[in-house]
Protein backbone atom coordinates (compact mmCIF):
# COMPACT_ATOMS: atom_id res chain seq x y z
CA MET A 1 -96.27 -44.92 54.98
CA ARG A 2 -96.35 -48.59 54.07
CA ASN A 3 -96.61 -47.64 50.39
CA LEU A 4 -93.52 -45.49 50.69
CA PHE A 5 -91.50 -48.19 52.45
CA PRO A 6 -92.86 -51.54 51.27
CA PHE A 7 -91.91 -54.70 53.09
CA VAL A 8 -89.23 -56.75 51.30
CA PRO A 9 -89.37 -60.50 52.04
CA ARG A 10 -86.16 -61.95 53.43
CA SER A 11 -85.87 -64.25 50.38
CA SER A 12 -85.71 -61.22 48.07
CA ARG A 13 -83.09 -59.26 49.98
CA ASN A 14 -79.56 -58.76 48.68
CA GLN A 15 -80.60 -59.60 45.11
CA LEU A 16 -79.17 -57.77 42.11
CA VAL A 17 -81.23 -54.77 41.02
CA PHE A 18 -80.94 -53.57 37.42
CA LEU A 19 -81.93 -50.14 36.11
CA ASP A 20 -84.52 -50.01 33.31
CA HIS A 21 -83.05 -46.88 31.70
CA ASN A 22 -79.47 -45.68 31.39
CA PHE A 23 -79.53 -41.90 30.91
CA ARG A 24 -75.84 -41.39 31.75
CA GLN A 25 -74.10 -42.85 28.72
CA ARG A 26 -74.26 -42.27 24.99
CA GLU A 27 -75.84 -45.04 22.93
CA ASN A 28 -72.89 -47.32 22.14
CA LEU A 29 -71.76 -47.24 25.78
CA ARG A 30 -75.30 -47.99 26.97
CA ILE A 31 -75.43 -51.01 24.67
CA LEU A 32 -72.06 -52.24 25.97
CA SER A 33 -73.16 -51.85 29.59
CA ALA A 34 -76.39 -53.74 28.83
CA GLY A 35 -74.37 -56.48 27.11
CA ILE A 36 -72.10 -56.90 30.13
CA ARG A 37 -75.17 -57.07 32.36
CA SER A 38 -76.84 -59.65 30.14
CA VAL A 39 -73.89 -61.97 29.44
CA LEU A 40 -72.03 -61.86 32.74
CA GLN A 41 -74.82 -61.13 35.22
CA GLY A 42 -77.78 -62.89 33.63
CA ASP A 43 -79.98 -59.82 33.29
CA ALA A 44 -82.87 -60.52 30.92
CA THR A 45 -84.78 -57.29 31.67
CA PRO A 46 -85.94 -55.56 28.47
CA THR A 47 -84.30 -52.15 27.99
CA GLU A 48 -84.61 -49.31 25.49
CA ASP A 49 -81.40 -50.51 23.80
CA ARG A 50 -82.32 -54.17 23.37
CA GLY A 51 -82.95 -54.99 19.74
CA LYS A 52 -80.74 -52.20 18.42
CA GLU A 53 -77.87 -53.13 16.18
CA LYS A 54 -74.90 -54.11 18.29
CA ARG A 55 -71.42 -52.83 17.62
CA ALA A 56 -68.85 -54.85 19.52
CA ALA A 57 -66.59 -52.81 21.78
CA THR A 58 -62.88 -53.07 21.05
CA VAL A 59 -60.62 -54.68 23.64
CA HIS A 60 -56.93 -53.97 23.01
CA THR A 61 -54.88 -57.04 23.98
CA PHE A 62 -51.27 -56.86 25.08
CA LYS A 63 -48.33 -59.04 26.09
CA SER A 64 -46.76 -56.56 28.52
CA GLN A 65 -48.17 -53.89 30.79
CA THR A 66 -45.50 -51.50 29.57
CA ALA A 67 -46.79 -51.74 26.00
CA MET A 68 -50.37 -51.12 27.13
CA ALA A 69 -49.25 -48.23 29.34
CA GLN A 70 -47.64 -46.54 26.33
CA PHE A 71 -50.82 -47.05 24.30
CA VAL A 72 -52.93 -45.57 27.13
CA LEU A 73 -50.53 -42.62 27.34
CA GLN A 74 -50.88 -41.84 23.64
CA ARG A 75 -54.67 -41.98 23.90
CA LEU A 76 -54.75 -39.81 27.04
CA LEU A 77 -52.72 -37.13 25.29
CA THR A 78 -55.57 -36.74 22.79
CA VAL A 79 -58.15 -36.08 25.53
CA ASP A 80 -59.12 -32.48 26.27
CA ALA A 81 -57.38 -31.23 29.41
CA PHE A 82 -60.72 -30.17 30.89
CA ALA A 83 -62.37 -33.58 30.46
CA THR A 84 -62.81 -35.74 33.55
CA VAL A 85 -60.77 -38.94 33.28
CA ALA A 86 -60.63 -42.05 35.48
CA VAL A 87 -58.48 -45.16 35.14
CA ILE A 88 -60.52 -47.76 37.01
CA LEU A 89 -59.25 -51.05 38.44
CA PRO A 90 -60.83 -53.64 40.78
CA SER A 91 -58.51 -52.95 43.72
CA GLU A 92 -56.33 -50.22 45.16
CA ALA A 93 -53.23 -52.35 44.56
CA ALA A 94 -54.11 -52.69 40.86
CA ALA A 95 -54.80 -48.95 40.61
CA ARG A 96 -51.41 -48.22 42.19
CA CYS A 97 -49.71 -50.59 39.71
CA TRP A 98 -51.03 -48.66 36.69
CA TYR A 99 -50.45 -45.31 38.40
CA ASP A 100 -46.78 -46.25 38.84
CA LEU A 101 -46.58 -47.26 35.17
CA LEU A 102 -48.00 -43.97 33.87
CA ASN A 103 -47.45 -41.22 36.44
CA GLU A 104 -43.97 -40.15 35.37
CA ASP A 105 -44.81 -40.00 31.66
CA LEU A 106 -48.05 -38.12 32.29
CA SER A 107 -46.17 -35.58 34.42
CA ALA A 108 -43.71 -35.05 31.57
CA TYR A 109 -46.65 -33.97 29.41
CA HIS A 110 -48.08 -31.78 32.18
CA ARG A 111 -51.06 -34.09 32.74
CA PRO A 112 -51.20 -34.55 36.53
CA ALA A 113 -52.11 -38.03 37.75
CA LEU A 114 -53.52 -38.88 41.16
CA LEU A 115 -54.00 -42.15 43.04
CA SER A 116 -57.50 -41.21 44.09
CA HIS A 117 -60.03 -42.05 46.77
CA ARG A 118 -63.65 -40.95 46.88
CA ASP A 119 -63.09 -37.35 47.98
CA ASP A 120 -60.37 -36.83 45.35
CA LEU A 121 -62.58 -37.77 42.42
CA THR A 122 -64.23 -34.35 42.28
CA ARG A 123 -60.93 -32.78 41.19
CA ARG A 124 -61.41 -32.13 37.48
CA ASN A 125 -57.85 -31.46 36.37
CA ASP A 126 -56.33 -34.75 37.52
CA ILE A 127 -56.27 -38.10 35.75
CA HIS A 128 -57.59 -40.35 38.50
CA PHE A 129 -56.32 -43.87 39.11
CA THR A 130 -58.87 -45.45 41.39
CA GLU A 131 -60.43 -48.59 42.79
CA VAL A 132 -63.86 -49.35 41.33
CA VAL A 133 -65.63 -49.11 44.70
CA GLU A 134 -64.48 -45.50 45.03
CA ALA A 135 -65.99 -44.60 41.63
CA LYS A 136 -69.38 -46.26 42.20
CA GLY A 137 -72.21 -43.77 41.68
CA LEU A 138 -69.94 -41.24 39.94
CA GLU A 139 -69.46 -40.49 36.25
CA PHE A 140 -66.57 -39.29 34.08
CA ASP A 141 -66.18 -38.05 30.54
CA VAL A 142 -63.56 -40.72 29.80
CA VAL A 143 -62.84 -44.04 31.52
CA ILE A 144 -59.90 -46.39 30.94
CA ILE A 145 -59.97 -50.00 32.10
CA PRO A 146 -56.44 -51.08 31.16
CA ASP A 147 -56.71 -54.77 32.02
CA LEU A 148 -59.93 -56.78 32.17
CA ALA A 149 -57.82 -59.71 33.40
CA MET A 150 -57.53 -58.04 36.80
CA PHE A 151 -61.28 -58.47 37.39
CA GLU A 152 -62.28 -61.87 38.80
CA LEU A 153 -65.00 -62.51 36.22
CA GLU A 154 -65.60 -66.07 37.46
CA THR A 155 -67.22 -64.51 40.54
CA ALA A 156 -70.38 -62.45 41.00
CA VAL A 157 -68.37 -59.72 42.75
CA GLY A 158 -65.89 -59.45 39.87
CA CYS A 159 -68.67 -59.27 37.27
CA ASN A 160 -70.43 -56.55 39.25
CA GLN A 161 -67.17 -54.61 39.58
CA LEU A 162 -66.67 -54.72 35.81
CA TYR A 163 -70.24 -53.58 35.16
CA VAL A 164 -69.79 -50.65 37.56
CA ALA A 165 -66.52 -49.65 35.87
CA ILE A 166 -67.90 -49.91 32.33
CA SER A 167 -71.01 -47.90 33.21
CA ARG A 168 -69.03 -44.89 34.59
CA PRO A 169 -68.05 -43.10 31.31
CA ARG A 170 -70.38 -40.64 29.63
CA HIS A 171 -68.55 -40.29 26.31
CA ALA A 172 -65.50 -42.54 25.82
CA LEU A 173 -64.13 -45.84 27.11
CA LEU A 174 -60.79 -47.57 26.46
CA LEU A 175 -60.51 -51.29 27.26
CA GLY A 176 -57.41 -53.46 27.49
CA CYS A 177 -56.75 -57.07 28.42
CA SER A 178 -53.65 -59.14 29.04
CA ASN A 179 -53.20 -61.93 26.50
CA ARG A 180 -53.05 -64.49 29.29
CA SER A 181 -56.78 -64.14 29.96
CA LEU A 182 -58.18 -64.23 26.43
CA GLU A 183 -59.19 -67.89 26.75
CA ASP A 184 -60.94 -67.40 30.09
CA GLU A 185 -64.56 -68.49 29.81
CA PRO A 186 -66.22 -65.12 30.67
CA LEU A 187 -64.20 -63.26 28.04
CA ARG A 188 -64.89 -65.93 25.43
CA ARG A 189 -68.63 -65.57 26.13
CA LEU A 190 -68.43 -61.81 25.65
CA GLN A 191 -66.71 -62.35 22.30
CA THR A 192 -69.11 -65.09 21.18
CA LYS A 193 -72.13 -62.91 21.99
CA GLY A 194 -70.65 -60.00 20.03
CA VAL A 195 -70.31 -57.73 23.05
CA VAL A 196 -66.55 -57.25 22.54
CA ARG A 197 -63.95 -57.90 19.88
CA VAL A 198 -60.23 -58.20 20.55
CA ILE A 199 -57.44 -56.45 18.63
CA PRO A 200 -53.76 -57.01 19.50
CA LEU A 201 -51.73 -53.85 20.07
CA SER A 202 -49.33 -55.02 17.36
CA GLU A 203 -52.07 -54.37 14.76
CA HIS A 204 -52.21 -50.66 15.59
CA ALA A 205 -50.30 -48.04 13.65
CA TRP A 206 -48.32 -46.42 16.46
CA PRO A 207 -47.96 -42.65 16.56
CA GLY A 208 -44.58 -41.32 15.56
């Protein structure tokens, strides 16, 4: 029985535990998740994706939430109606903010949105707006994190929240960030290390 339930010294309790293998995500998402873990959380554990060529993830920067909401809407309209989709934020208040920005437009295109808690996230036909703690341990085909600036990346809790959010999608991830946070030290580190690259929304060719 002792082998099944080994004693953990008090000094080792409540420490971060990192997985050696990420079987949930496709390769570029696995590499991004490992990069977030390494740069923001100090994980130096070798993984199957270390040493592979890195391709920086795109972060779409914006001046106004309304502009980003319209960009998110256009991207969501290209997603298969049967795909599972979650818009993940660090708090319920932040999730409600983006739900309010997008709900009416999504309804107009017959894409139902839901401000979701844990039990709601099994509903496949809704686009879920949810707090990151509710999504922990779950996975979705597509995840949208509309504003990295809402995560408190100067804190261990905020970095862990971002890692959890970024490691939820299986196939596709859309990242946004308010311009006001581009010079914050954690985001500059992610850019310097080649984990992310930023592209202003103004550089996109908008759909007609």
